[in-house]
Amino acid sequence: VGVSISPWNFPCAIFIGMAAAPIVAGNCVLVKPAEDAG
């Protein structure tokens, strides 16, 4: 289990890329998006 802390400047692509990669590898992820792009 890991934590993904993503930025506001690519709030769709980087957010989902940082989550999807560990997930497809079999991990579980807690995602904390940027406050400006929830």
PDB file of all heavy atoms in Angstrom:
ATOM      1  N   VAL A   1       0.849  -1.197   0.000  1.00  0.00           N
ATOM      2  CA  VAL A   1       0.000   0.000   0.000  1.00  0.00           C
ATOM      3  C   VAL A   1       0.880   1.240   0.000  1.00  0.00           C
ATOM      4  O   VAL A   1       1.818   1.349   0.798  1.00  0.00           O
ATOM      5  CB  VAL A   1      -0.937   0.018   1.223  1.00  0.00           C
ATOM      6  CG1 VAL A   1      -1.715   1.334   1.293  1.00  0.00           C
ATOM      7  CG2 VAL A   1      -1.895  -1.162   1.161  1.00  0.00           C
ATOM      8  N   GLY A   2       0.571   2.161  -0.890  1.00  0.00           N
ATOM      9  CA  GLY A   2       1.349   3.391  -0.983  1.00  0.00           C
ATOM     10  C   GLY A   2       0.474   4.615  -1.062  1.00  0.00           C
ATOM     11  O   GLY A   2      -0.763   4.540  -1.114  1.00  0.00           O
ATOM     12  N   VAL A   3       1.131   5.759  -1.094  1.00  0.00           N
ATOM     13  CA  VAL A   3       0.468   7.058  -1.120  1.00  0.00           C
ATOM     14  C   VAL A   3       0.893   7.800  -2.379  1.00  0.00           C
ATOM     15  O   VAL A   3       2.085   7.843  -2.707  1.00  0.00           O
ATOM     16  CB  VAL A   3       0.845   7.894   0.122  1.00  0.00           C
ATOM     17  CG1 VAL A   3       0.158   9.251   0.088  1.00  0.00           C
ATOM     18  CG2 VAL A   3       0.503   7.146   1.396  1.00  0.00           C
ATOM     19  N   SER A   4      -0.081   8.374  -3.086  1.00  0.00           N
ATOM     20  CA  SER A   4       0.190   9.174  -4.273  1.00  0.00           C
ATOM     21  C   SER A   4      -0.230  10.614  -4.004  1.00  0.00           C
ATOM     22  O   SER A   4      -1.399  10.877  -3.706  1.00  0.00           O
ATOM     23  CB  SER A   4      -0.564   8.617  -5.485  1.00  0.00           C
ATOM     24  OG  SER A   4      -0.399   9.463  -6.608  1.00  0.00           O
ATOM     25  N   ILE A   5       0.715  11.532  -4.112  1.00  0.00           N
ATOM     26  CA  ILE A   5       0.458  12.956  -3.884  1.00  0.00           C
ATOM     27  C   ILE A   5       0.724  13.676  -5.201  1.00  0.00           C
ATOM     28  O   ILE A   5       1.868  13.799  -5.645  1.00  0.00           O
ATOM     29  CB  ILE A   5       1.355  13.505  -2.757  1.00  0.00           C
ATOM     30  CG1 ILE A   5       1.157  12.685  -1.475  1.00  0.00           C
ATOM     31  CG2 ILE A   5       1.058  14.981  -2.506  1.00  0.00           C
ATOM     32  CD1 ILE A   5       2.137  13.024  -0.360  1.00  0.00           C
ATOM     33  N   SER A   6      -0.353  14.123  -5.844  1.00  0.00           N
ATOM     34  CA  SER A   6      -0.264  14.617  -7.223  1.00  0.00           C
ATOM     35  C   SER A   6      -0.437  16.131  -7.296  1.00  0.00           C
ATOM     36  O   SER A   6      -0.970  16.748  -6.375  1.00  0.00           O
ATOM     37  CB  SER A   6      -1.307  13.906  -8.090  1.00  0.00           C
ATOM     38  OG  SER A   6      -2.605  14.071  -7.560  1.00  0.00           O
ATOM     39  N   PRO A   7      -0.018  16.751  -8.414  1.00  0.00           N
ATOM     40  CA  PRO A   7      -0.010  18.210  -8.528  1.00  0.00           C
ATOM     41  C   PRO A   7      -1.266  18.762  -9.199  1.00  0.00           C
ATOM     42  O   PRO A   7      -2.059  18.030  -9.779  1.00  0.00           O
ATOM     43  CB  PRO A   7       1.204  18.449  -9.411  1.00  0.00           C
ATOM     44  CG  PRO A   7       1.171  17.282 -10.363  1.00  0.00           C
ATOM     45  CD  PRO A   7       0.669  16.108  -9.558  1.00  0.00           C
ATOM     46  N   TRP A   8      -1.380  20.089  -9.174  1.00  0.00           N
ATOM     47  CA  TRP A   8      -2.534  20.760  -9.775  1.00  0.00           C
ATOM     48  C   TRP A   8      -2.314  21.083 -11.252  1.00  0.00           C
ATOM     49  O   TRP A   8      -3.268  21.355 -11.972  1.00  0.00           O
ATOM     50  CB  TRP A   8      -2.854  22.065  -9.033  1.00  0.00           C
ATOM     51  CG  TRP A   8      -1.675  22.971  -8.835  1.00  0.00           C
ATOM     52  CD1 TRP A   8      -0.948  23.114  -7.696  1.00  0.00           C
ATOM     53  CD2 TRP A   8      -1.073  23.847  -9.804  1.00  0.00           C
ATOM     54  NE1 TRP A   8       0.080  24.022  -7.885  1.00  0.00           N
ATOM     55  CE2 TRP A   8       0.018  24.488  -9.169  1.00  0.00           C
ATOM     56  CE3 TRP A   8      -1.345  24.159 -11.135  1.00  0.00           C
ATOM     57  CZ2 TRP A   8       0.835  25.415  -9.822  1.00  0.00           C
ATOM     58  CZ3 TRP A   8      -0.541  25.070 -11.790  1.00  0.00           C
ATOM     59  CH2 TRP A   8       0.530  25.687 -11.137  1.00  0.00           C
ATOM     60  N   ASN A   9      -1.070  21.068 -11.726  1.00  0.00           N
ATOM     61  CA  ASN A   9      -0.854  21.546 -13.094  1.00  0.00           C
ATOM     62  C   ASN A   9      -1.208  20.504 -14.161  1.00  0.00           C
ATOM     63  O   ASN A   9      -1.536  20.863 -15.287  1.00  0.00           O
ATOM     64  CB  ASN A   9       0.580  22.048 -13.281  1.00  0.00           C
ATOM     65  CG  ASN A   9       1.625  20.972 -13.102  1.00  0.00           C
ATOM     66  OD1 ASN A   9       1.430  20.015 -12.339  1.00  0.00           O
ATOM     67  ND2 ASN A   9       2.745  21.118 -13.786  1.00  0.00           N
ATOM     68  N   PHE A  10      -1.155  19.216 -13.809  1.00  0.00           N
ATOM     69  CA  PHE A  10      -1.681  18.154 -14.674  1.00  0.00           C
ATOM     70  C   PHE A  10      -2.607  17.291 -13.814  1.00  0.00           C
ATOM     71  O   PHE A  10      -2.306  16.130 -13.524  1.00  0.00           O
ATOM     72  CB  PHE A  10      -0.548  17.324 -15.284  1.00  0.00           C
ATOM     73  CG  PHE A  10       0.192  18.038 -16.381  1.00  0.00           C
ATOM     74  CD1 PHE A  10       1.269  18.857 -16.090  1.00  0.00           C
ATOM     75  CD2 PHE A  10      -0.207  17.913 -17.702  1.00  0.00           C
ATOM     76  CE1 PHE A  10       1.941  19.537 -17.087  1.00  0.00           C
ATOM     77  CE2 PHE A  10       0.460  18.589 -18.714  1.00  0.00           C
ATOM     78  CZ  PHE A  10       1.535  19.409 -18.407  1.00  0.00           C
ATOM     79  N   PRO A  11      -3.762  17.857 -13.422  1.00  0.00           N
ATOM     80  CA  PRO A  11      -4.598  17.218 -12.400  1.00  0.00           C
ATOM     81  C   PRO A  11      -5.388  16.025 -12.893  1.00  0.00           C
ATOM     82  O   PRO A  11      -5.979  15.312 -12.089  1.00  0.00           O
ATOM     83  CB  PRO A  11      -5.538  18.349 -11.978  1.00  0.00           C
ATOM     84  CG  PRO A  11      -5.678  19.184 -13.219  1.00  0.00           C
ATOM     85  CD  PRO A  11      -4.320  19.159 -13.860  1.00  0.00           C
ATOM     86  N   CYS A  12      -5.386  15.794 -14.194  1.00  0.00           N
ATOM     87  CA  CYS A  12      -6.032  14.613 -14.770  1.00  0.00           C
ATOM     88  C   CYS A  12      -4.977  13.566 -15.130  1.00  0.00           C
ATOM     89  O   CYS A  12      -5.012  12.442 -14.637  1.00  0.00           O
ATOM     90  CB  CYS A  12      -6.843  15.010 -16.000  1.00  0.00           C
ATOM     91  SG  CYS A  12      -7.635  13.641 -16.873  1.00  0.00           S
ATOM     92  N   ALA A  13      -4.018  13.934 -15.968  1.00  0.00           N
ATOM     93  CA  ALA A  13      -3.049  12.967 -16.489  1.00  0.00           C
ATOM     94  C   ALA A  13      -2.088  12.463 -15.424  1.00  0.00           C
ATOM     95  O   ALA A  13      -1.911  11.251 -15.245  1.00  0.00           O
ATOM     96  CB  ALA A  13      -2.274  13.581 -17.655  1.00  0.00           C
ATOM     97  N   ILE A  14      -1.432  13.383 -14.704  1.00  0.00           N
ATOM     98  CA  ILE A  14      -0.473  12.930 -13.693  1.00  0.00           C
ATOM     99  C   ILE A  14      -1.208  12.255 -12.546  1.00  0.00           C
ATOM    100  O   ILE A  14      -0.746  11.238 -12.010  1.00  0.00           O
ATOM    101  CB  ILE A  14       0.404  14.098 -13.212  1.00  0.00           C
ATOM    102  CG1 ILE A  14       1.304  14.575 -14.350  1.00  0.00           C
ATOM    103  CG2 ILE A  14       1.255  13.669 -12.018  1.00  0.00           C
ATOM    104  CD1 ILE A  14       2.247  15.709 -13.970  1.00  0.00           C
ATOM    105  N   PHE A  15      -2.359  12.787 -12.174  1.00  0.00           N
ATOM    106  CA  PHE A  15      -3.137  12.162 -11.099  1.00  0.00           C
ATOM    107  C   PHE A  15      -3.441  10.706 -11.419  1.00  0.00           C
ATOM    108  O   PHE A  15      -3.175   9.806 -10.608  1.00  0.00           O
ATOM    109  CB  PHE A  15      -4.451  12.933 -10.890  1.00  0.00           C
ATOM    110  CG  PHE A  15      -5.404  12.254  -9.948  1.00  0.00           C
ATOM    111  CD1 PHE A  15      -5.247  12.372  -8.574  1.00  0.00           C
ATOM    112  CD2 PHE A  15      -6.461  11.494 -10.428  1.00  0.00           C
ATOM    113  CE1 PHE A  15      -6.128  11.732  -7.693  1.00  0.00           C
ATOM    114  CE2 PHE A  15      -7.341  10.858  -9.563  1.00  0.00           C
ATOM    115  CZ  PHE A  15      -7.173  10.975  -8.192  1.00  0.00           C
ATOM    116  N   ILE A  16      -3.962  10.436 -12.620  1.00  0.00           N
ATOM    117  CA  ILE A  16      -4.360   9.065 -12.927  1.00  0.00           C
ATOM    118  C   ILE A  16      -3.149   8.207 -13.269  1.00  0.00           C
ATOM    119  O   ILE A  16      -3.110   7.016 -12.948  1.00  0.00           O
ATOM    120  CB  ILE A  16      -5.412   9.018 -14.058  1.00  0.00           C
ATOM    121  CG1 ILE A  16      -6.172   7.686 -14.023  1.00  0.00           C
ATOM    122  CG2 ILE A  16      -4.798   9.253 -15.420  1.00  0.00           C
ATOM    123  CD1 ILE A  16      -6.951   7.438 -12.751  1.00  0.00           C
ATOM    124  N   GLY A  17      -2.122   8.784 -13.871  1.00  0.00           N
ATOM    125  CA  GLY A  17      -0.925   8.004 -14.169  1.00  0.00           C
ATOM    126  C   GLY A  17      -0.224   7.522 -12.915  1.00  0.00           C
ATOM    127  O   GLY A  17       0.216   6.374 -12.830  1.00  0.00           O
ATOM    128  N   MET A  18      -0.127   8.407 -11.915  1.00  0.00           N
ATOM    129  CA  MET A  18       0.525   8.047 -10.657  1.00  0.00           C
ATOM    130  C   MET A  18      -0.271   7.020  -9.865  1.00  0.00           C
ATOM    131  O   MET A  18       0.292   6.311  -9.033  1.00  0.00           O
ATOM    132  CB  MET A  18       0.733   9.305  -9.805  1.00  0.00           C
ATOM    133  CG  MET A  18       1.828  10.214 -10.323  1.00  0.00           C
ATOM    134  SD  MET A  18       1.897  11.826  -9.463  1.00  0.00           S
ATOM    135  CE  MET A  18       2.214  11.308  -7.778  1.00  0.00           C
ATOM    136  N   ALA A  19      -1.573   6.940 -10.111  1.00  0.00           N
ATOM    137  CA  ALA A  19      -2.403   5.941  -9.432  1.00  0.00           C
ATOM    138  C   ALA A  19      -2.471   4.638 -10.213  1.00  0.00           C
ATOM    139  O   ALA A  19      -2.379   3.548  -9.640  1.00  0.00           O
ATOM    140  CB  ALA A  19      -3.809   6.491  -9.215  1.00  0.00           C
ATOM    141  N   ALA A  20      -2.639   4.736 -11.526  1.00  0.00           N
ATOM    142  CA  ALA A  20      -2.867   3.547 -12.347  1.00  0.00           C
ATOM    143  C   ALA A  20      -1.664   2.624 -12.379  1.00  0.00           C
ATOM    144  O   ALA A  20      -1.809   1.396 -12.392  1.00  0.00           O
ATOM    145  CB  ALA A  20      -3.241   3.967 -13.769  1.00  0.00           C
ATOM    146  N   ALA A  21      -0.456   3.174 -12.401  1.00  0.00           N
ATOM    147  CA  ALA A  21       0.742   2.335 -12.499  1.00  0.00           C
ATOM    148  C   ALA A  21       0.887   1.402 -11.295  1.00  0.00           C
ATOM    149  O   ALA A  21       1.017   0.180 -11.467  1.00  0.00           O
ATOM    150  CB  ALA A  21       1.983   3.212 -12.678  1.00  0.00           C
ATOM    151  N   PRO A  22       0.869   1.910 -10.068  1.00  0.00           N
ATOM    152  CA  PRO A  22       0.958   0.972  -8.940  1.00  0.00           C
ATOM    153  C   PRO A  22      -0.244   0.047  -8.830  1.00  0.00           C
ATOM    154  O   PRO A  22      -0.104  -1.103  -8.406  1.00  0.00           O
ATOM    155  CB  PRO A  22       1.077   1.892  -7.718  1.00  0.00           C
ATOM    156  CG  PRO A  22       0.637   3.228  -8.155  1.00  0.00           C
ATOM    157  CD  PRO A  22       0.929   3.308  -9.618  1.00  0.00           C
ATOM    158  N   ILE A  23      -1.417   0.522  -9.223  1.00  0.00           N
ATOM    159  CA  ILE A  23      -2.618  -0.312  -9.131  1.00  0.00           C
ATOM    160  C   ILE A  23      -2.522  -1.514 -10.060  1.00  0.00           C
ATOM    161  O   ILE A  23      -2.786  -2.652  -9.665  1.00  0.00           O
ATOM    162  CB  ILE A  23      -3.877   0.531  -9.423  1.00  0.00           C
ATOM    163  CG1 ILE A  23      -4.239   1.375  -8.186  1.00  0.00           C
ATOM    164  CG2 ILE A  23      -5.059  -0.355  -9.821  1.00  0.00           C
ATOM    165  CD1 ILE A  23      -5.354   2.369  -8.426  1.00  0.00           C
ATOM    166  N   VAL A  24      -2.134  -1.296 -11.310  1.00  0.00           N
ATOM    167  CA  VAL A  24      -2.087  -2.418 -12.250  1.00  0.00           C
ATOM    168  C   VAL A  24      -0.991  -3.404 -11.856  1.00  0.00           C
ATOM    169  O   VAL A  24      -1.074  -4.604 -12.183  1.00  0.00           O
ATOM    170  CB  VAL A  24      -1.894  -1.920 -13.699  1.00  0.00           C
ATOM    171  CG1 VAL A  24      -0.449  -1.542 -13.988  1.00  0.00           C
ATOM    172  CG2 VAL A  24      -2.383  -2.964 -14.702  1.00  0.00           C
ATOM    173  N   ALA A  25       0.004  -2.927 -11.112  1.00  0.00           N
ATOM    174  CA  ALA A  25       1.070  -3.811 -10.631  1.00  0.00           C
ATOM    175  C   ALA A  25       0.648  -4.628  -9.417  1.00  0.00           C
ATOM    176  O   ALA A  25       1.414  -5.472  -8.949  1.00  0.00           O
ATOM    177  CB  ALA A  25       2.321  -2.997 -10.310  1.00  0.00           C
ATOM    178  N   GLY A  26      -0.565  -4.373  -8.902  1.00  0.00           N
ATOM    179  CA  GLY A  26      -1.083  -5.176  -7.802  1.00  0.00           C
ATOM    180  C   GLY A  26      -1.086  -4.507  -6.453  1.00  0.00           C
ATOM    181  O   GLY A  26      -1.364  -5.157  -5.438  1.00  0.00           O
ATOM    182  N   ASN A  27      -0.785  -3.201  -6.406  1.00  0.00           N
ATOM    183  CA  ASN A  27      -0.765  -2.460  -5.155  1.00  0.00           C
ATOM    184  C   ASN A  27      -2.101  -1.757  -4.914  1.00  0.00           C
ATOM    185  O   ASN A  27      -2.916  -1.607  -5.821  1.00  0.00           O
ATOM    186  CB  ASN A  27       0.342  -1.403  -5.188  1.00  0.00           C
ATOM    187  CG  ASN A  27       1.700  -1.997  -5.465  1.00  0.00           C
ATOM    188  OD1 ASN A  27       2.312  -2.584  -4.591  1.00  0.00           O
ATOM    189  ND2 ASN A  27       2.170  -1.861  -6.698  1.00  0.00           N
ATOM    190  N   CYS A  28      -2.295  -1.276  -3.696  1.00  0.00           N
ATOM    191  CA  CYS A  28      -3.412  -0.405  -3.372  1.00  0.00           C
ATOM    192  C   CYS A  28      -2.860   0.977  -3.063  1.00  0.00           C
ATOM    193  O   CYS A  28      -1.750   1.106  -2.541  1.00  0.00           O
ATOM    194  CB  CYS A  28      -4.203  -0.950  -2.186  1.00  0.00           C
ATOM    195  SG  CYS A  28      -4.999  -2.539  -2.530  1.00  0.00           S
ATOM    196  N   VAL A  29      -3.626   2.008  -3.402  1.00  0.00           N
ATOM    197  CA  VAL A  29      -3.102   3.371  -3.360  1.00  0.00           C
ATOM    198  C   VAL A  29      -4.078   4.322  -2.686  1.00  0.00           C
ATOM    199  O   VAL A  29      -5.279   4.296  -2.967  1.00  0.00           O
ATOM    200  CB  VAL A  29      -2.791   3.890  -4.784  1.00  0.00           C
ATOM    201  CG1 VAL A  29      -2.147   5.263  -4.719  1.00  0.00           C
ATOM    202  CG2 VAL A  29      -1.886   2.929  -5.539  1.00  0.00           C
ATOM    203  N   LEU A  30      -3.529   5.164  -1.813  1.00  0.00           N
ATOM    204  CA  LEU A  30      -4.267   6.285  -1.251  1.00  0.00           C
ATOM    205  C   LEU A  30      -3.889   7.515  -2.064  1.00  0.00           C
ATOM    206  O   LEU A  30      -2.700   7.874  -2.133  1.00  0.00           O
ATOM    207  CB  LEU A  30      -3.895   6.513   0.213  1.00  0.00           C
ATOM    208  CG  LEU A  30      -4.487   5.561   1.261  1.00  0.00           C
ATOM    209  CD1 LEU A  30      -3.992   4.135   1.103  1.00  0.00           C
ATOM    210  CD2 LEU A  30      -4.152   6.070   2.671  1.00  0.00           C
ATOM    211  N   VAL A  31      -4.861   8.141  -2.728  1.00  0.00           N
ATOM    212  CA  VAL A  31      -4.560   9.280  -3.590  1.00  0.00           C
ATOM    213  C   VAL A  31      -4.963  10.576  -2.903  1.00  0.00           C
ATOM    214  O   VAL A  31      -6.097  10.734  -2.455  1.00  0.00           O
ATOM    215  CB  VAL A  31      -5.237   9.151  -4.969  1.00  0.00           C
ATOM    216  CG1 VAL A  31      -4.615   8.022  -5.773  1.00  0.00           C
ATOM    217  CG2 VAL A  31      -6.736   8.939  -4.856  1.00  0.00           C
ATOM    218  N   LYS A  32      -3.993  11.491  -2.812  1.00  0.00           N
ATOM    219  CA  LYS A  32      -4.259  12.820  -2.290  1.00  0.00           C
ATOM    220  C   LYS A  32      -4.021  13.824  -3.406  1.00  0.00           C
ATOM    221  O   LYS A  32      -2.889  14.174  -3.725  1.00  0.00           O
ATOM    222  CB  LYS A  32      -3.378  13.161  -1.089  1.00  0.00           C
ATOM    223  CG  LYS A  32      -3.895  14.366  -0.300  1.00  0.00           C
ATOM    224  CD  LYS A  32      -2.807  15.236   0.267  1.00  0.00           C
ATOM    225  CE  LYS A  32      -2.229  16.220  -0.715  1.00  0.00           C
ATOM    226  NZ  LYS A  32      -3.176  17.270  -1.174  1.00  0.00           N
ATOM    227  N   PRO A  33      -5.092  14.311  -4.051  1.00  0.00           N
ATOM    228  CA  PRO A  33      -4.909  15.278  -5.134  1.00  0.00           C
ATOM    229  C   PRO A  33      -4.558  16.659  -4.593  1.00  0.00           C
ATOM    230  O   PRO A  33      -4.700  16.935  -3.391  1.00  0.00           O
ATOM    231  CB  PRO A  33      -6.290  15.297  -5.802  1.00  0.00           C
ATOM    232  CG  PRO A  33      -7.241  14.997  -4.677  1.00  0.00           C
ATOM    233  CD  PRO A  33      -6.508  14.019  -3.798  1.00  0.00           C
ATOM    234  N   ALA A  34      -4.107  17.529  -5.463  1.00  0.00           N
ATOM    235  CA  ALA A  34      -3.841  18.912  -5.076  1.00  0.00           C
ATOM    236  C   ALA A  34      -5.130  19.593  -4.646  1.00  0.00           C
ATOM    237  O   ALA A  34      -6.207  19.346  -5.219  1.00  0.00           O
ATOM    238  CB  ALA A  34      -3.219  19.664  -6.256  1.00  0.00           C
ATOM    239  N   GLU A  35      -5.028  20.457  -3.646  1.00  0.00           N
ATOM    240  CA  GLU A  35      -6.211  21.135  -3.122  1.00  0.00           C
ATOM    241  C   GLU A  35      -6.912  21.981  -4.170  1.00  0.00           C
ATOM    242  O   GLU A  35      -8.124  22.204  -4.080  1.00  0.00           O
ATOM    243  CB  GLU A  35      -5.817  22.033  -1.940  1.00  0.00           C
ATOM    244  CG  GLU A  35      -5.382  21.284  -0.687  1.00  0.00           C
ATOM    245  CD  GLU A  35      -3.884  21.125  -0.566  1.00  0.00           C
ATOM    246  OE1 GLU A  35      -3.255  20.677  -1.548  1.00  0.00           O
ATOM    247  OE2 GLU A  35      -3.347  21.445   0.510  1.00  0.00           O
ATOM    248  N   ASP A  36      -6.178  22.461  -5.180  1.00  0.00           N
ATOM    249  CA  ASP A  36      -6.768  23.342  -6.192  1.00  0.00           C
ATOM    250  C   ASP A  36      -7.473  22.586  -7.315  1.00  0.00           C
ATOM    251  O   ASP A  36      -8.061  23.215  -8.195  1.00  0.00           O
ATOM    252  CB  ASP A  36      -5.676  24.217  -6.822  1.00  0.00           C
ATOM    253  CG  ASP A  36      -5.042  25.150  -5.811  1.00  0.00           C
ATOM    254  OD1 ASP A  36      -5.744  26.037  -5.316  1.00  0.00           O
ATOM    255  OD2 ASP A  36      -3.849  24.967  -5.506  1.00  0.00           O
ATOM    256  N   ALA A  37      -7.414  21.264  -7.298  1.00  0.00           N
ATOM    257  CA  ALA A  37      -7.929  20.503  -8.438  1.00  0.00           C
ATOM    258  C   ALA A  37      -8.646  19.241  -7.991  1.00  0.00           C
ATOM    259  O   ALA A  37      -8.507  18.184  -8.591  1.00  0.00           O
ATOM    260  CB  ALA A  37      -6.787  20.158  -9.395  1.00  0.00           C
ATOM    261  N   GLY A  38      -9.459  19.360  -6.950  1.00  0.00           N
ATOM    262  CA  GLY A  38     -10.140  18.184  -6.418  1.00  0.00           C
ATOM    263  C   GLY A  38     -11.262  17.656  -7.274  1.00  0.00           C
ATOM    264  O   GLY A  38     -11.569  16.463  -7.245  1.00  0.00           O
TER     265      GLY A  38
END
